[in-house]
Amino acid sequence: NREKGRILEGMVNQYGYKLLAEGKISEAIDIFKFNVYTHPESANSYDSLGEAYMKAGNKELAIKNYEKSLELDLDNKNAVEMLKKLLEK
């Protein structure tokens, strides 16, 4: 059951990135928010939502989601790098 949850999370995340690549940022944000809602323990879901907010130009929510991702996974190097970029701007 847990494995099915991870597979579903990955599929939803992949769809969100497809939308981002197509320039459908607000739709991607909705998909990533759904993933965060259904997988609140997933650092990757918060990381992806942070990236979408960053692309949308919403620095505050990008930082918030990258921080949450890092809180859930202290080894998340992407979140560390993105926070550095966001906080130095």
PDB file of N, CA and C in Angstrom:
ATOM      1  N   ASN A   1       0.830  -1.206   0.000  1.00  0.00           N
ATOM      2  CA  ASN A   1       0.000   0.000   0.000  1.00  0.00           C
ATOM      3  C   ASN A   1       0.867   1.259   0.000  1.00  0.00           C
ATOM      4  N   ARG A   2       1.909   1.223   0.813  1.00  0.00           N
ATOM      5  CA  ARG A   2       2.813   2.371   0.863  1.00  0.00           C
ATOM      6  C   ARG A   2       3.548   2.566  -0.466  1.00  0.00           C
ATOM      7  N   GLU A   3       3.924   1.433  -1.068  1.00  0.00           N
ATOM      8  CA  GLU A   3       4.605   1.483  -2.366  1.00  0.00           C
ATOM      9  C   GLU A   3       3.687   2.071  -3.432  1.00  0.00           C
ATOM     10  N   LYS A   4       2.411   1.708  -3.385  1.00  0.00           N
ATOM     11  CA  LYS A   4       1.436   2.272  -4.331  1.00  0.00           C
ATOM     12  C   LYS A   4       1.341   3.785  -4.159  1.00  0.00           C
ATOM     13  N   GLY A   5       1.398   4.228  -2.911  1.00  0.00           N
ATOM     14  CA  GLY A   5       1.356   5.661  -2.631  1.00  0.00           C
ATOM     15  C   GLY A   5       2.542   6.389  -3.237  1.00  0.00           C
ATOM     16  N   ARG A   6       3.713   5.776  -3.144  1.00  0.00           N
ATOM     17  CA  ARG A   6       4.916   6.389  -3.725  1.00  0.00           C
ATOM     18  C   ARG A   6       4.838   6.443  -5.243  1.00  0.00           C
ATOM     19  N   ILE A   7       4.295   5.376  -5.829  1.00  0.00           N
ATOM     20  CA  ILE A   7       4.145   5.349  -7.289  1.00  0.00           C
ATOM     21  C   ILE A   7       3.180   6.437  -7.729  1.00  0.00           C
ATOM     22  N   LEU A   8       2.051   6.554  -7.028  1.00  0.00           N
ATOM     23  CA  LEU A   8       1.067   7.587  -7.359  1.00  0.00           C
ATOM     24  C   LEU A   8       1.677   8.979  -7.191  1.00  0.00           C
ATOM     25  N   GLU A   9       2.400   9.175  -6.096  1.00  0.00           N
ATOM     26  CA  GLU A   9       3.057  10.463  -5.861  1.00  0.00           C
ATOM     27  C   GLU A   9       3.996  10.804  -7.017  1.00  0.00           C
ATOM     28  N   GLY A  10       4.772   9.827  -7.454  1.00  0.00           N
ATOM     29  CA  GLY A  10       5.706  10.038  -8.554  1.00  0.00           C
ATOM     30  C   GLY A  10       5.005  10.366  -9.861  1.00  0.00           C
ATOM     31  N   MET A  11       3.896   9.693 -10.121  1.00  0.00           N
ATOM     32  CA  MET A  11       3.143   9.948 -11.353  1.00  0.00           C
ATOM     33  C   MET A  11       2.540  11.347 -11.345  1.00  0.00           C
ATOM     34  N   VAL A  12       1.984  11.734 -10.211  1.00  0.00           N
ATOM     35  CA  VAL A  12       1.395  13.068 -10.089  1.00  0.00           C
ATOM     36  C   VAL A  12       2.486  14.122 -10.244  1.00  0.00           C
ATOM     37  N   ASN A  13       3.627  13.883  -9.607  1.00  0.00           N
ATOM     38  CA  ASN A  13       4.750  14.821  -9.694  1.00  0.00           C
ATOM     39  C   ASN A  13       5.228  14.965 -11.139  1.00  0.00           C
ATOM     40  N   GLN A  14       5.320  13.849 -11.828  1.00  0.00           N
ATOM     41  CA  GLN A  14       5.747  13.855 -13.228  1.00  0.00           C
ATOM     42  C   GLN A  14       4.772  14.678 -14.081  1.00  0.00           C
ATOM     43  N   TYR A  15       3.486  14.523 -13.821  1.00  0.00           N
ATOM     44  CA  TYR A  15       2.479  15.290 -14.554  1.00  0.00           C
ATOM     45  C   TYR A  15       2.641  16.789 -14.275  1.00  0.00           C
ATOM     46  N   GLY A  16       2.921  17.134 -13.022  1.00  0.00           N
ATOM     47  CA  GLY A  16       3.154  18.535 -12.671  1.00  0.00           C
ATOM     48  C   GLY A  16       4.326  19.119 -13.444  1.00  0.00           C
ATOM     49  N   TYR A  17       5.406  18.352 -13.574  1.00  0.00           N
ATOM     50  CA  TYR A  17       6.570  18.827 -14.332  1.00  0.00           C
ATOM     51  C   TYR A  17       6.270  18.929 -15.826  1.00  0.00           C
ATOM     52  N   LYS A  18       5.409  18.064 -16.327  1.00  0.00           N
ATOM     53  CA  LYS A  18       4.987  18.155 -17.732  1.00  0.00           C
ATOM     54  C   LYS A  18       4.260  19.481 -17.948  1.00  0.00           C
ATOM     55  N   LEU A  19       3.370  19.824 -17.019  1.00  0.00           N
ATOM     56  CA  LEU A  19       2.651  21.098 -17.115  1.00  0.00           C
ATOM     57  C   LEU A  19       3.616  22.280 -17.037  1.00  0.00           C
ATOM     58  N   LEU A  20       4.586  22.200 -16.130  1.00  0.00           N
ATOM     59  CA  LEU A  20       5.589  23.270 -16.023  1.00  0.00           C
ATOM     60  C   LEU A  20       6.337  23.445 -17.344  1.00  0.00           C
ATOM     61  N   ALA A  21       6.729  22.338 -17.943  1.00  0.00           N
ATOM     62  CA  ALA A  21       7.468  22.387 -19.208  1.00  0.00           C
ATOM     63  C   ALA A  21       6.632  23.010 -20.322  1.00  0.00           C
ATOM     64  N   GLU A  22       5.322  22.859 -20.223  1.00  0.00           N
ATOM     65  CA  GLU A  22       4.409  23.433 -21.215  1.00  0.00           C
ATOM     66  C   GLU A  22       4.054  24.885 -20.899  1.00  0.00           C
ATOM     67  N   GLY A  23       4.617  25.409 -19.816  1.00  0.00           N
ATOM     68  CA  GLY A  23       4.343  26.793 -19.430  1.00  0.00           C
ATOM     69  C   GLY A  23       3.032  26.978 -18.693  1.00  0.00           C
ATOM     70  N   LYS A  24       2.420  25.890 -18.277  1.00  0.00           N
ATOM     71  CA  LYS A  24       1.140  25.941 -17.552  1.00  0.00           C
ATOM     72  C   LYS A  24       1.432  25.961 -16.050  1.00  0.00           C
ATOM     73  N   ILE A  25       1.970  27.078 -15.608  1.00  0.00           N
ATOM     74  CA  ILE A  25       2.495  27.168 -14.245  1.00  0.00           C
ATOM     75  C   ILE A  25       1.400  27.062 -13.186  1.00  0.00           C
ATOM     76  N   SER A  26       0.284  27.768 -13.357  1.00  0.00           N
ATOM     77  CA  SER A  26      -0.751  27.717 -12.316  1.00  0.00           C
ATOM     78  C   SER A  26      -1.367  26.326 -12.216  1.00  0.00           C
ATOM     79  N   GLU A  27      -1.509  25.643 -13.358  1.00  0.00           N
ATOM     80  CA  GLU A  27      -2.016  24.268 -13.319  1.00  0.00           C
ATOM     81  C   GLU A  27      -1.014  23.348 -12.627  1.00  0.00           C
ATOM     82  N   ALA A  28       0.269  23.558 -12.905  1.00  0.00           N
ATOM     83  CA  ALA A  28       1.311  22.756 -12.263  1.00  0.00           C
ATOM     84  C   ALA A  28       1.291  22.980 -10.753  1.00  0.00           C
ATOM     85  N   ILE A  29       1.119  24.225 -10.337  1.00  0.00           N
ATOM     86  CA  ILE A  29       1.044  24.528  -8.903  1.00  0.00           C
ATOM     87  C   ILE A  29      -0.112  23.771  -8.271  1.00  0.00           C
ATOM     88  N   ASP A  30      -1.262  23.749  -8.928  1.00  0.00           N
ATOM     89  CA  ASP A  30      -2.413  23.007  -8.396  1.00  0.00           C
ATOM     90  C   ASP A  30      -2.101  21.523  -8.248  1.00  0.00           C
ATOM     91  N   ILE A  31      -1.421  20.950  -9.231  1.00  0.00           N
ATOM     92  CA  ILE A  31      -1.057  19.530  -9.172  1.00  0.00           C
ATOM     93  C   ILE A  31      -0.073  19.276  -8.032  1.00  0.00           C
ATOM     94  N   PHE A  32       0.937  20.127  -7.912  1.00  0.00           N
ATOM     95  CA  PHE A  32       1.914  19.952  -6.835  1.00  0.00           C
ATOM     96  C   PHE A  32       1.268  20.167  -5.461  1.00  0.00           C
ATOM     97  N   LYS A  33       0.321  21.104  -5.365  1.00  0.00           N
ATOM     98  CA  LYS A  33      -0.394  21.310  -4.096  1.00  0.00           C
ATOM     99  C   LYS A  33      -1.190  20.063  -3.729  1.00  0.00           C
ATOM    100  N   PHE A  34      -1.804  19.442  -4.723  1.00  0.00           N
ATOM    101  CA  PHE A  34      -2.523  18.187  -4.491  1.00  0.00           C
ATOM    102  C   PHE A  34      -1.565  17.129  -3.952  1.00  0.00           C
ATOM    103  N   ASN A  35      -0.370  17.046  -4.532  1.00  0.00           N
ATOM    104  CA  ASN A  35       0.609  16.057  -4.087  1.00  0.00           C
ATOM    105  C   ASN A  35       1.052  16.320  -2.646  1.00  0.00           C
ATOM    106  N   VAL A  36       1.237  17.583  -2.307  1.00  0.00           N
ATOM    107  CA  VAL A  36       1.602  17.942  -0.930  1.00  0.00           C
ATOM    108  C   VAL A  36       0.463  17.571   0.027  1.00  0.00           C
ATOM    109  N   TYR A  37      -0.765  17.830  -0.401  1.00  0.00           N
ATOM    110  CA  TYR A  37      -1.933  17.522   0.438  1.00  0.00           C
ATOM    111  C   TYR A  37      -2.062  16.015   0.671  1.00  0.00           C
ATOM    112  N   THR A  38      -1.836  15.228  -0.384  1.00  0.00           N
ATOM    113  CA  THR A  38      -2.004  13.779  -0.258  1.00  0.00           C
ATOM    114  C   THR A  38      -0.754  13.069   0.262  1.00  0.00           C
ATOM    115  N   HIS A  39       0.389  13.736   0.206  1.00  0.00           N
ATOM    116  CA  HIS A  39       1.652  13.158   0.698  1.00  0.00           C
ATOM    117  C   HIS A  39       2.401  14.199   1.539  1.00  0.00           C
ATOM    118  N   PRO A  40       1.838  14.580   2.681  1.00  0.00           N
ATOM    119  CA  PRO A  40       2.435  15.656   3.487  1.00  0.00           C
ATOM    120  C   PRO A  40       3.804  15.318   4.074  1.00  0.00           C
ATOM    121  N   GLU A  41       4.186  14.049   4.023  1.00  0.00           N
ATOM    122  CA  GLU A  41       5.484  13.636   4.558  1.00  0.00           C
ATOM    123  C   GLU A  41       6.562  13.600   3.474  1.00  0.00           C
ATOM    124  N   SER A  42       6.198  13.978   2.253  1.00  0.00           N
ATOM    125  CA  SER A  42       7.122  13.876   1.126  1.00  0.00           C
ATOM    126  C   SER A  42       7.911  15.162   0.900  1.00  0.00           C
ATOM    127  N   ALA A  43       9.197  15.096   1.151  1.00  0.00           N
ATOM    128  CA  ALA A  43      10.070  16.248   0.899  1.00  0.00           C
ATOM    129  C   ALA A  43      10.070  16.606  -0.583  1.00  0.00           C
ATOM    130  N   ASN A  44      10.007  15.598  -1.434  1.00  0.00           N
ATOM    131  CA  ASN A  44      10.031  15.833  -2.875  1.00  0.00           C
ATOM    132  C   ASN A  44       8.811  16.631  -3.339  1.00  0.00           C
ATOM    133  N   SER A  45       7.654  16.361  -2.755  1.00  0.00           N
ATOM    134  CA  SER A  45       6.441  17.096  -3.140  1.00  0.00           C
ATOM    135  C   SER A  45       6.581  18.580  -2.819  1.00  0.00           C
ATOM    136  N   TYR A  46       7.114  18.886  -1.650  1.00  0.00           N
ATOM    137  CA  TYR A  46       7.324  20.296  -1.277  1.00  0.00           C
ATOM    138  C   TYR A  46       8.392  20.942  -2.158  1.00  0.00           C
ATOM    139  N   ASP A  47       9.426  20.174  -2.484  1.00  0.00           N
ATOM    140  CA  ASP A  47      10.491  20.682  -3.346  1.00  0.00           C
ATOM    141  C   ASP A  47       9.925  21.064  -4.722  1.00  0.00           C
ATOM    142  N   SER A  48       9.089  20.211  -5.264  1.00  0.00           N
ATOM    143  CA  SER A  48       8.488  20.480  -6.579  1.00  0.00           C
ATOM    144  C   SER A  48       7.564  21.688  -6.530  1.00  0.00           C
ATOM    145  N   LEU A  49       6.783  21.789  -5.469  1.00  0.00           N
ATOM    146  CA  LEU A  49       5.897  22.946  -5.317  1.00  0.00           C
ATOM    147  C   LEU A  49       6.723  24.225  -5.191  1.00  0.00           C
ATOM    148  N   GLY A  50       7.830  24.150  -4.465  1.00  0.00           N
ATOM    149  CA  GLY A  50       8.724  25.302  -4.358  1.00  0.00           C
ATOM    150  C   GLY A  50       9.254  25.729  -5.711  1.00  0.00           C
ATOM    151  N   GLU A  51       9.613  24.758  -6.534  1.00  0.00           N
ATOM    152  CA  GLU A  51      10.118  25.075  -7.875  1.00  0.00           C
ATOM    153  C   GLU A  51       9.043  25.754  -8.724  1.00  0.00           C
ATOM    154  N   ALA A  52       7.819  25.257  -8.625  1.00  0.00           N
ATOM    155  CA  ALA A  52       6.727  25.858  -9.401  1.00  0.00           C
ATOM    156  C   ALA A  52       6.461  27.292  -8.949  1.00  0.00           C
ATOM    157  N   TYR A  53       6.481  27.518  -7.639  1.00  0.00           N
ATOM    158  CA  TYR A  53       6.290  28.886  -7.143  1.00  0.00           C
ATOM    159  C   TYR A  53       7.439  29.791  -7.588  1.00  0.00           C
ATOM    160  N   MET A  54       8.641  29.245  -7.627  1.00  0.00           N
ATOM    161  CA  MET A  54       9.790  30.020  -8.082  1.00  0.00           C
ATOM    162  C   MET A  54       9.584  30.432  -9.543  1.00  0.00           C
ATOM    163  N   LYS A  55       9.132  29.494 -10.369  1.00  0.00           N
ATOM    164  CA  LYS A  55       8.877  29.808 -11.783  1.00  0.00           C
ATOM    165  C   LYS A  55       7.748  30.814 -11.934  1.00  0.00           C
ATOM    166  N   ALA A  56       6.813  30.808 -10.985  1.00  0.00           N
ATOM    167  CA  ALA A  56       5.694  31.753 -11.022  1.00  0.00           C
ATOM    168  C   ALA A  56       6.110  33.128 -10.515  1.00  0.00           C
ATOM    169  N   GLY A  57       7.318  33.218  -9.937  1.00  0.00           N
ATOM    170  CA  GLY A  57       7.793  34.493  -9.406  1.00  0.00           C
ATOM    171  C   GLY A  57       7.326  34.771  -7.990  1.00  0.00           C
ATOM    172  N   ASN A  58       6.801  33.740  -7.320  1.00  0.00           N
ATOM    173  CA  ASN A  58       6.324  33.895  -5.948  1.00  0.00           C
ATOM    174  C   ASN A  58       7.433  33.434  -4.995  1.00  0.00           C
ATOM    175  N   LYS A  59       8.350  34.352  -4.738  1.00  0.00           N
ATOM    176  CA  LYS A  59       9.536  34.056  -3.929  1.00  0.00           C
ATOM    177  C   LYS A  59       9.174  33.584  -2.519  1.00  0.00           C
ATOM    178  N   GLU A  60       8.200  34.247  -1.898  1.00  0.00           N
ATOM    179  CA  GLU A  60       7.822  33.919  -0.521  1.00  0.00           C
ATOM    180  C   GLU A  60       7.339  32.469  -0.389  1.00  0.00           C
ATOM    181  N   LEU A  61       6.439  32.049  -1.285  1.00  0.00           N
ATOM    182  CA  LEU A  61       5.934  30.676  -1.208  1.00  0.00           C
ATOM    183  C   LEU A  61       6.972  29.662  -1.673  1.00  0.00           C
ATOM    184  N   ALA A  62       7.850  30.062  -2.580  1.00  0.00           N
ATOM    185  CA  ALA A  62       8.941  29.172  -2.988  1.00  0.00           C
ATOM    186  C   ALA A  62       9.831  28.878  -1.781  1.00  0.00           C
ATOM    187  N   ILE A  63      10.209  29.921  -1.058  1.00  0.00           N
ATOM    188  CA  ILE A  63      11.051  29.759   0.133  1.00  0.00           C
ATOM    189  C   ILE A  63      10.355  28.881   1.164  1.00  0.00           C
ATOM    190  N   LYS A  64       9.091  29.151   1.421  1.00  0.00           N
ATOM    191  CA  LYS A  64       8.326  28.384   2.415  1.00  0.00           C
ATOM    192  C   LYS A  64       8.332  26.890   2.081  1.00  0.00           C
ATOM    193  N   ASN A  65       8.115  26.561   0.817  1.00  0.00           N
ATOM    194  CA  ASN A  65       8.051  25.151   0.431  1.00  0.00           C
ATOM    195  C   ASN A  65       9.416  24.493   0.391  1.00  0.00           C
ATOM    196  N   TYR A  66      10.436  25.209  -0.034  1.00  0.00           N
ATOM    197  CA  TYR A  66      11.791  24.644   0.022  1.00  0.00           C
ATOM    198  C   TYR A  66      12.220  24.416   1.475  1.00  0.00           C
ATOM    199  N   GLU A  67      11.856  25.330   2.371  1.00  0.00           N
ATOM    200  CA  GLU A  67      12.188  25.151   3.792  1.00  0.00           C
ATOM    201  C   GLU A  67      11.493  23.920   4.360  1.00  0.00           C
ATOM    202  N   LYS A  68      10.224  23.718   3.994  1.00  0.00           N
ATOM    203  CA  LYS A  68       9.488  22.543   4.470  1.00  0.00           C
ATOM    204  C   LYS A  68      10.117  21.268   3.915  1.00  0.00           C
ATOM    205  N   SER A  69      10.519  21.296   2.654  1.00  0.00           N
ATOM    206  CA  SER A  69      11.176  20.148   2.044  1.00  0.00           C
ATOM    207  C   SER A  69      12.457  19.801   2.798  1.00  0.00           C
ATOM    208  N   LEU A  70      13.223  20.815   3.132  1.00  0.00           N
ATOM    209  CA  LEU A  70      14.476  20.620   3.859  1.00  0.00           C
ATOM    210  C   LEU A  70      14.223  20.113   5.279  1.00  0.00           C
ATOM    211  N   GLU A  71      13.156  20.586   5.886  1.00  0.00           N
ATOM    212  CA  GLU A  71      12.783  20.112   7.223  1.00  0.00           C
ATOM    213  C   GLU A  71      12.491  18.606   7.198  1.00  0.00           C
ATOM    214  N   LEU A  72      11.864  18.140   6.124  1.00  0.00           N
ATOM    215  CA  LEU A  72      11.522  16.720   6.001  1.00  0.00           C
ATOM    216  C   LEU A  72      12.695  15.864   5.546  1.00  0.00           C
ATOM    217  N   ASP A  73      13.643  16.474   4.844  1.00  0.00           N
ATOM    218  CA  ASP A  73      14.819  15.757   4.348  1.00  0.00           C
ATOM    219  C   ASP A  73      16.028  16.682   4.417  1.00  0.00           C
ATOM    220  N   LEU A  74      16.770  16.561   5.502  1.00  0.00           N
ATOM    221  CA  LEU A  74      17.924  17.435   5.722  1.00  0.00           C
ATOM    222  C   LEU A  74      19.013  17.269   4.667  1.00  0.00           C
ATOM    223  N   ASP A  75      18.969  16.179   3.914  1.00  0.00           N
ATOM    224  CA  ASP A  75      19.972  15.927   2.877  1.00  0.00           C
ATOM    225  C   ASP A  75      19.538  16.426   1.498  1.00  0.00           C
ATOM    226  N   ASN A  76      18.448  17.174   1.437  1.00  0.00           N
ATOM    227  CA  ASN A  76      17.940  17.657   0.149  1.00  0.00           C
ATOM    228  C   ASN A  76      18.830  18.795  -0.357  1.00  0.00           C
ATOM    229  N   LYS A  77      19.809  18.434  -1.165  1.00  0.00           N
ATOM    230  CA  LYS A  77      20.770  19.417  -1.685  1.00  0.00           C
ATOM    231  C   LYS A  77      20.109  20.433  -2.612  1.00  0.00           C
ATOM    232  N   ASN A  78      19.102  20.000  -3.365  1.00  0.00           N
ATOM    233  CA  ASN A  78      18.410  20.927  -4.261  1.00  0.00           C
ATOM    234  C   ASN A  78      17.741  22.039  -3.462  1.00  0.00           C
ATOM    235  N   ALA A  79      17.073  21.677  -2.372  1.00  0.00           N
ATOM    236  CA  ALA A  79      16.406  22.689  -1.543  1.00  0.00           C
ATOM    237  C   ALA A  79      17.426  23.673  -0.978  1.00  0.00           C
ATOM    238  N   VAL A  80      18.567  23.175  -0.538  1.00  0.00           N
ATOM    239  CA  VAL A  80      19.623  24.046  -0.006  1.00  0.00           C
ATOM    240  C   VAL A  80      20.079  25.034  -1.078  1.00  0.00           C
ATOM    241  N   GLU A  81      20.342  24.528  -2.280  1.00  0.00           N
ATOM    242  CA  GLU A  81      20.800  25.389  -3.382  1.00  0.00           C
ATOM    243  C   GLU A  81      19.745  26.424  -3.773  1.00  0.00           C
ATOM    244  N   MET A  82      18.498  25.990  -3.869  1.00  0.00           N
ATOM    245  CA  MET A  82      17.426  26.909  -4.265  1.00  0.00           C
ATOM    246  C   MET A  82      17.200  27.981  -3.200  1.00  0.00           C
ATOM    247  N   LEU A  83      17.278  27.598  -1.933  1.00  0.00           N
ATOM    248  CA  LEU A  83      17.126  28.581  -0.856  1.00  0.00           C
ATOM    249  C   LEU A  83      18.253  29.607  -0.902  1.00  0.00           C
ATOM    250  N   LYS A  84      19.477  29.154  -1.178  1.00  0.00           N
ATOM    251  CA  LYS A  84      20.599  30.098  -1.309  1.00  0.00           C
ATOM    252  C   LYS A  84      20.298  31.114  -2.403  1.00  0.00           C
ATOM    253  N   LYS A  85      19.863  30.626  -3.563  1.00  0.00           N
ATOM    254  CA  LYS A  85      19.544  31.515  -4.686  1.00  0.00           C
ATOM    255  C   LYS A  85      18.429  32.490  -4.323  1.00  0.00           C
ATOM    256  N   LEU A  86      17.368  31.964  -3.721  1.00  0.00           N
ATOM    257  CA  LEU A  86      16.212  32.804  -3.399  1.00  0.00           C
ATOM    258  C   LEU A  86      16.534  33.838  -2.332  1.00  0.00           C
ATOM    259  N   LEU A  87      17.342  33.464  -1.357  1.00  0.00           N
ATOM    260  CA  LEU A  87      17.631  34.370  -0.247  1.00  0.00           C
ATOM    261  C   LEU A  87      18.692  35.412  -0.593  1.00  0.00           C
ATOM    262  N   GLU A  88      19.471  35.186  -1.638  1.00  0.00           N
ATOM    263  CA  GLU A  88      20.480  36.185  -2.014  1.00  0.00           C
ATOM    264  C   GLU A  88      19.934  37.203  -3.002  1.00  0.00           C
ATOM    265  N   LYS A  89      18.745  36.981  -3.514  1.00  0.00           N
ATOM    266  CA  LYS A  89      18.140  37.929  -4.471  1.00  0.00           C
ATOM    267  C   LYS A  89      17.581  39.135  -3.768  1.00  0.00           C
TER     268      LYS A  89
END
